[in-house]
Amino acid sequence: MPTFSLELTSPLVPAEAWRRLTEWPRHADVVPLTKIEVLTAPPTHEGTRFVARSGVGPVTVDDVMEVTVWRPPVGDEPGLCRLEKRGRVVFGWAEIEVRPGPGGHSRVVWREELRIRFLPRLFDSILNRTARLMFGRAATQLLRKA
């Protein structure tokens, strides 16, 4: 399975960076051709489920996710959110870690293991590069938007 990791520094304090990265419907604002539907009642917690539906018209792919770890940052302690992908087509997991950085800023580490059913392993490196680019751009935009 392709696995990637990216690190970003944000001028936001960790609590605000966390809020922006884990407000699931906002991801649809920065990921093209994607809608997010949260399937459980707020607030987010372990057990929260949501689906990212990407595509055009009748050609869509659902990425169903469940929060399995929910530890927001507190003080100097980093926050960690782990998502397990539970769909029929998209598999793997994602982790979003937010920790204090220098000068009151925050460091974000996004790790993801991604597999698409029926996609041959031959395409793993392309999938890895594409996912890293897409999620890196999305995280950067989420941390910039008000």
C-alpha atoms as a PDB file:
ATOM      1  CA  MET A   1       0.000   0.000   0.000  1.00  0.00           C
ATOM      2  CA  PRO A   2       1.320   3.461  -0.783  1.00  0.00           C
ATOM      3  CA  THR A   3       2.161   5.357   2.401  1.00  0.00           C
ATOM      4  CA  PHE A   4       3.175   8.979   2.526  1.00  0.00           C
ATOM      5  CA  SER A   5       3.927  11.575   5.147  1.00  0.00           C
ATOM      6  CA  LEU A   6       4.096  15.336   4.931  1.00  0.00           C
ATOM      7  CA  GLU A   7       4.988  18.013   7.453  1.00  0.00           C
ATOM      8  CA  LEU A   8       3.826  21.605   7.546  1.00  0.00           C
ATOM      9  CA  THR A   9       4.483  24.549   9.833  1.00  0.00           C
ATOM     10  CA  SER A  10       1.548  26.844  10.512  1.00  0.00           C
ATOM     11  CA  PRO A  11       1.478  30.251  12.193  1.00  0.00           C
ATOM     12  CA  LEU A  12      -1.700  29.100  13.966  1.00  0.00           C
ATOM     13  CA  VAL A  13      -1.671  27.922  17.564  1.00  0.00           C
ATOM     14  CA  PRO A  14      -2.120  24.143  17.789  1.00  0.00           C
ATOM     15  CA  ALA A  15      -5.768  24.291  18.932  1.00  0.00           C
ATOM     16  CA  GLU A  16      -6.765  26.391  15.907  1.00  0.00           C
ATOM     17  CA  ALA A  17      -4.752  24.292  13.453  1.00  0.00           C
ATOM     18  CA  TRP A  18      -6.448  21.195  14.914  1.00  0.00           C
ATOM     19  CA  ARG A  19      -9.910  22.741  14.597  1.00  0.00           C
ATOM     20  CA  ARG A  20      -9.355  23.646  10.950  1.00  0.00           C
ATOM     21  CA  LEU A  21      -7.920  20.256   9.990  1.00  0.00           C
ATOM     22  CA  THR A  22     -10.608  18.216  11.755  1.00  0.00           C
ATOM     23  CA  GLU A  23     -13.678  20.190  10.730  1.00  0.00           C
ATOM     24  CA  TRP A  24     -14.565  17.546   8.146  1.00  0.00           C
ATOM     25  CA  PRO A  25     -17.052  19.492   5.962  1.00  0.00           C
ATOM     26  CA  ARG A  26     -14.350  22.149   5.316  1.00  0.00           C
ATOM     27  CA  HIS A  27     -12.290  19.568   3.423  1.00  0.00           C
ATOM     28  CA  ALA A  28     -14.859  19.760   0.605  1.00  0.00           C
ATOM     29  CA  ASP A  29     -13.926  23.447   0.191  1.00  0.00           C
ATOM     30  CA  VAL A  30     -10.337  22.558  -0.713  1.00  0.00           C
ATOM     31  CA  VAL A  31     -10.529  19.132  -2.398  1.00  0.00           C
ATOM     32  CA  PRO A  32     -11.857  19.478  -5.958  1.00  0.00           C
ATOM     33  CA  LEU A  33     -15.006  17.573  -6.952  1.00  0.00           C
ATOM     34  CA  THR A  34     -15.568  16.353  -3.388  1.00  0.00           C
ATOM     35  CA  LYS A  35     -18.498  16.572  -0.985  1.00  0.00           C
ATOM     36  CA  ILE A  36     -18.334  15.571   2.679  1.00  0.00           C
ATOM     37  CA  GLU A  37     -21.234  14.082   4.596  1.00  0.00           C
ATOM     38  CA  VAL A  38     -20.825  13.554   8.338  1.00  0.00           C
ATOM     39  CA  LEU A  39     -22.832  10.468   9.308  1.00  0.00           C
ATOM     40  CA  THR A  40     -22.772  10.890  13.104  1.00  0.00           C
ATOM     41  CA  ALA A  41     -23.851  13.668  15.445  1.00  0.00           C
ATOM     42  CA  PRO A  42     -21.321  16.337  16.440  1.00  0.00           C
ATOM     43  CA  PRO A  43     -18.955  16.957  18.037  1.00  0.00           C
ATOM     44  CA  THR A  44     -16.244  14.777  16.519  1.00  0.00           C
ATOM     45  CA  HIS A  45     -15.067  11.938  18.776  1.00  0.00           C
ATOM     46  CA  GLU A  46     -13.885   8.351  18.518  1.00  0.00           C
ATOM     47  CA  GLY A  47     -16.542   6.618  16.455  1.00  0.00           C
ATOM     48  CA  THR A  48     -17.417   9.635  14.287  1.00  0.00           C
ATOM     49  CA  ARG A  49     -18.036   8.485  10.712  1.00  0.00           C
ATOM     50  CA  PHE A  50     -18.087  10.534   7.521  1.00  0.00           C
ATOM     51  CA  VAL A  51     -17.846   9.999   3.801  1.00  0.00           C
ATOM     52  CA  ALA A  52     -15.890  11.990   1.223  1.00  0.00           C
ATOM     53  CA  ARG A  53     -17.665  11.508  -2.113  1.00  0.00           C
ATOM     54  CA  SER A  54     -15.457  12.495  -5.056  1.00  0.00           C
ATOM     55  CA  GLY A  55     -16.339  12.540  -8.735  1.00  0.00           C
ATOM     56  CA  VAL A  56     -18.623  13.999 -11.347  1.00  0.00           C
ATOM     57  CA  GLY A  57     -22.238  13.029 -11.958  1.00  0.00           C
ATOM     58  CA  PRO A  58     -22.821   9.298 -11.629  1.00  0.00           C
ATOM     59  CA  VAL A  59     -19.084   8.515 -11.604  1.00  0.00           C
ATOM     60  CA  THR A  60     -18.145   8.880  -7.935  1.00  0.00           C
ATOM     61  CA  VAL A  61     -15.973   7.163  -5.352  1.00  0.00           C
ATOM     62  CA  ASP A  62     -16.874   7.102  -1.659  1.00  0.00           C
ATOM     63  CA  ASP A  63     -14.093   7.288   0.932  1.00  0.00           C
ATOM     64  CA  VAL A  64     -15.871   6.223   4.141  1.00  0.00           C
ATOM     65  CA  MET A  65     -13.869   7.074   7.265  1.00  0.00           C
ATOM     66  CA  GLU A  66     -14.182   6.451  10.980  1.00  0.00           C
ATOM     67  CA  VAL A  67     -12.313   8.321  13.710  1.00  0.00           C
ATOM     68  CA  THR A  68     -10.532   5.680  15.808  1.00  0.00           C
ATOM     69  CA  VAL A  69      -8.259   8.000  17.826  1.00  0.00           C
ATOM     70  CA  TRP A  70      -9.340  11.469  18.930  1.00  0.00           C
ATOM     71  CA  ARG A  71      -6.860  13.311  21.145  1.00  0.00           C
ATOM     72  CA  PRO A  72      -6.948  17.094  20.608  1.00  0.00           C
ATOM     73  CA  PRO A  73      -3.784  19.021  21.520  1.00  0.00           C
ATOM     74  CA  VAL A  74      -3.675  20.305  25.101  1.00  0.00           C
ATOM     75  CA  GLY A  75      -0.938  22.617  26.319  1.00  0.00           C
ATOM     76  CA  ASP A  76       2.397  21.194  25.174  1.00  0.00           C
ATOM     77  CA  GLU A  77       0.897  17.783  24.379  1.00  0.00           C
ATOM     78  CA  PRO A  78       0.410  17.040  20.664  1.00  0.00           C
ATOM     79  CA  GLY A  79      -2.969  16.127  19.253  1.00  0.00           C
ATOM     80  CA  LEU A  80      -3.588  12.991  17.200  1.00  0.00           C
ATOM     81  CA  CYS A  81      -6.544  11.998  15.048  1.00  0.00           C
ATOM     82  CA  ARG A  82      -6.529   8.604  13.316  1.00  0.00           C
ATOM     83  CA  LEU A  83      -9.013   7.778  10.591  1.00  0.00           C
ATOM     84  CA  GLU A  84      -9.635   4.248   9.333  1.00  0.00           C
ATOM     85  CA  LYS A  85     -10.924   4.057   5.768  1.00  0.00           C
ATOM     86  CA  ARG A  86     -13.909   1.705   5.752  1.00  0.00           C
ATOM     87  CA  GLY A  87     -15.252   1.954   2.211  1.00  0.00           C
ATOM     88  CA  ARG A  88     -15.696  -0.621  -0.512  1.00  0.00           C
ATOM     89  CA  VAL A  89     -13.190   1.009  -2.867  1.00  0.00           C
ATOM     90  CA  VAL A  90     -10.809   3.136  -0.762  1.00  0.00           C
ATOM     91  CA  PHE A  91      -8.844   1.441   2.051  1.00  0.00           C
ATOM     92  CA  GLY A  92      -6.104   2.353   4.494  1.00  0.00           C
ATOM     93  CA  TRP A  93      -5.790   4.963   7.210  1.00  0.00           C
ATOM     94  CA  ALA A  94      -4.816   8.577   7.829  1.00  0.00           C
ATOM     95  CA  GLU A  95      -3.299  10.308  10.845  1.00  0.00           C
ATOM     96  CA  ILE A  96      -3.262  14.014  11.532  1.00  0.00           C
ATOM     97  CA  GLU A  97      -0.863  15.087  14.272  1.00  0.00           C
ATOM     98  CA  VAL A  98      -0.695  18.676  15.501  1.00  0.00           C
ATOM     99  CA  ARG A  99       2.055  19.648  17.908  1.00  0.00           C
ATOM    100  CA  PRO A 100       3.402  22.910  19.307  1.00  0.00           C
ATOM    101  CA  GLY A 101       6.061  24.551  17.204  1.00  0.00           C
ATOM    102  CA  PRO A 102       8.446  27.415  17.827  1.00  0.00           C
ATOM    103  CA  GLY A 103       7.039  30.827  18.673  1.00  0.00           C
ATOM    104  CA  GLY A 104       3.523  29.574  19.456  1.00  0.00           C
ATOM    105  CA  HIS A 105       3.109  28.170  15.959  1.00  0.00           C
ATOM    106  CA  SER A 106       2.199  24.580  15.213  1.00  0.00           C
ATOM    107  CA  ARG A 107       3.739  21.650  13.359  1.00  0.00           C
ATOM    108  CA  VAL A 108       1.389  19.397  11.442  1.00  0.00           C
ATOM    109  CA  VAL A 109       2.279  15.866  10.378  1.00  0.00           C
ATOM    110  CA  TRP A 110      -0.135  14.138   7.995  1.00  0.00           C
ATOM    111  CA  ARG A 111       0.505  10.425   7.423  1.00  0.00           C
ATOM    112  CA  GLU A 112      -1.610   8.287   5.160  1.00  0.00           C
ATOM    113  CA  GLU A 113      -1.714   4.769   3.810  1.00  0.00           C
ATOM    114  CA  LEU A 114      -3.951   4.527   0.774  1.00  0.00           C
ATOM    115  CA  ARG A 115      -5.147   1.698  -1.417  1.00  0.00           C
ATOM    116  CA  ILE A 116      -7.752   1.677  -4.158  1.00  0.00           C
ATOM    117  CA  ARG A 117      -9.528  -1.629  -4.839  1.00  0.00           C
ATOM    118  CA  PHE A 118      -8.804  -3.052  -8.288  1.00  0.00           C
ATOM    119  CA  LEU A 119      -5.923  -0.607  -8.858  1.00  0.00           C
ATOM    120  CA  PRO A 120      -2.836  -2.729  -9.624  1.00  0.00           C
ATOM    121  CA  ARG A 121       0.248  -2.234  -7.475  1.00  0.00           C
ATOM    122  CA  LEU A 122       1.986  -1.030 -10.618  1.00  0.00           C
ATOM    123  CA  PHE A 123       0.238   2.310  -9.966  1.00  0.00           C
ATOM    124  CA  ASP A 124       1.314   2.622  -6.296  1.00  0.00           C
ATOM    125  CA  SER A 125       3.998   5.242  -6.956  1.00  0.00           C
ATOM    126  CA  ILE A 126       1.629   7.378  -9.059  1.00  0.00           C
ATOM    127  CA  LEU A 127      -1.099   7.074  -6.405  1.00  0.00           C
ATOM    128  CA  ASN A 128       1.405   7.980  -3.694  1.00  0.00           C
ATOM    129  CA  ARG A 129       2.661  11.106  -5.489  1.00  0.00           C
ATOM    130  CA  THR A 130      -0.860  12.221  -6.426  1.00  0.00           C
ATOM    131  CA  ALA A 131      -2.226  11.699  -2.907  1.00  0.00           C
ATOM    132  CA  ARG A 132       0.739  13.489  -1.304  1.00  0.00           C
ATOM    133  CA  LEU A 133       0.268  16.461  -3.616  1.00  0.00           C
ATOM    134  CA  MET A 134      -3.509  16.574  -3.157  1.00  0.00           C
ATOM    135  CA  PHE A 135      -3.506  16.188   0.646  1.00  0.00           C
ATOM    136  CA  GLY A 136      -0.558  18.550   1.048  1.00  0.00           C
ATOM    137  CA  ARG A 137      -2.384  21.228  -0.931  1.00  0.00           C
ATOM    138  CA  ALA A 138      -5.623  20.601   1.002  1.00  0.00           C
ATOM    139  CA  ALA A 139      -3.889  20.812   4.406  1.00  0.00           C
ATOM    140  CA  THR A 140      -2.073  24.003   3.398  1.00  0.00           C
ATOM    141  CA  GLN A 141      -5.326  25.613   2.261  1.00  0.00           C
ATOM    142  CA  LEU A 142      -7.228  24.527   5.380  1.00  0.00           C
ATOM    143  CA  LEU A 143      -4.543  26.098   7.554  1.00  0.00           C
ATOM    144  CA  ARG A 144      -4.695  29.351   5.549  1.00  0.00           C
ATOM    145  CA  LYS A 145      -8.471  29.795   5.319  1.00  0.00           C
ATOM    146  CA  ALA A 146     -10.320  31.681   8.018  1.00  0.00           C
END
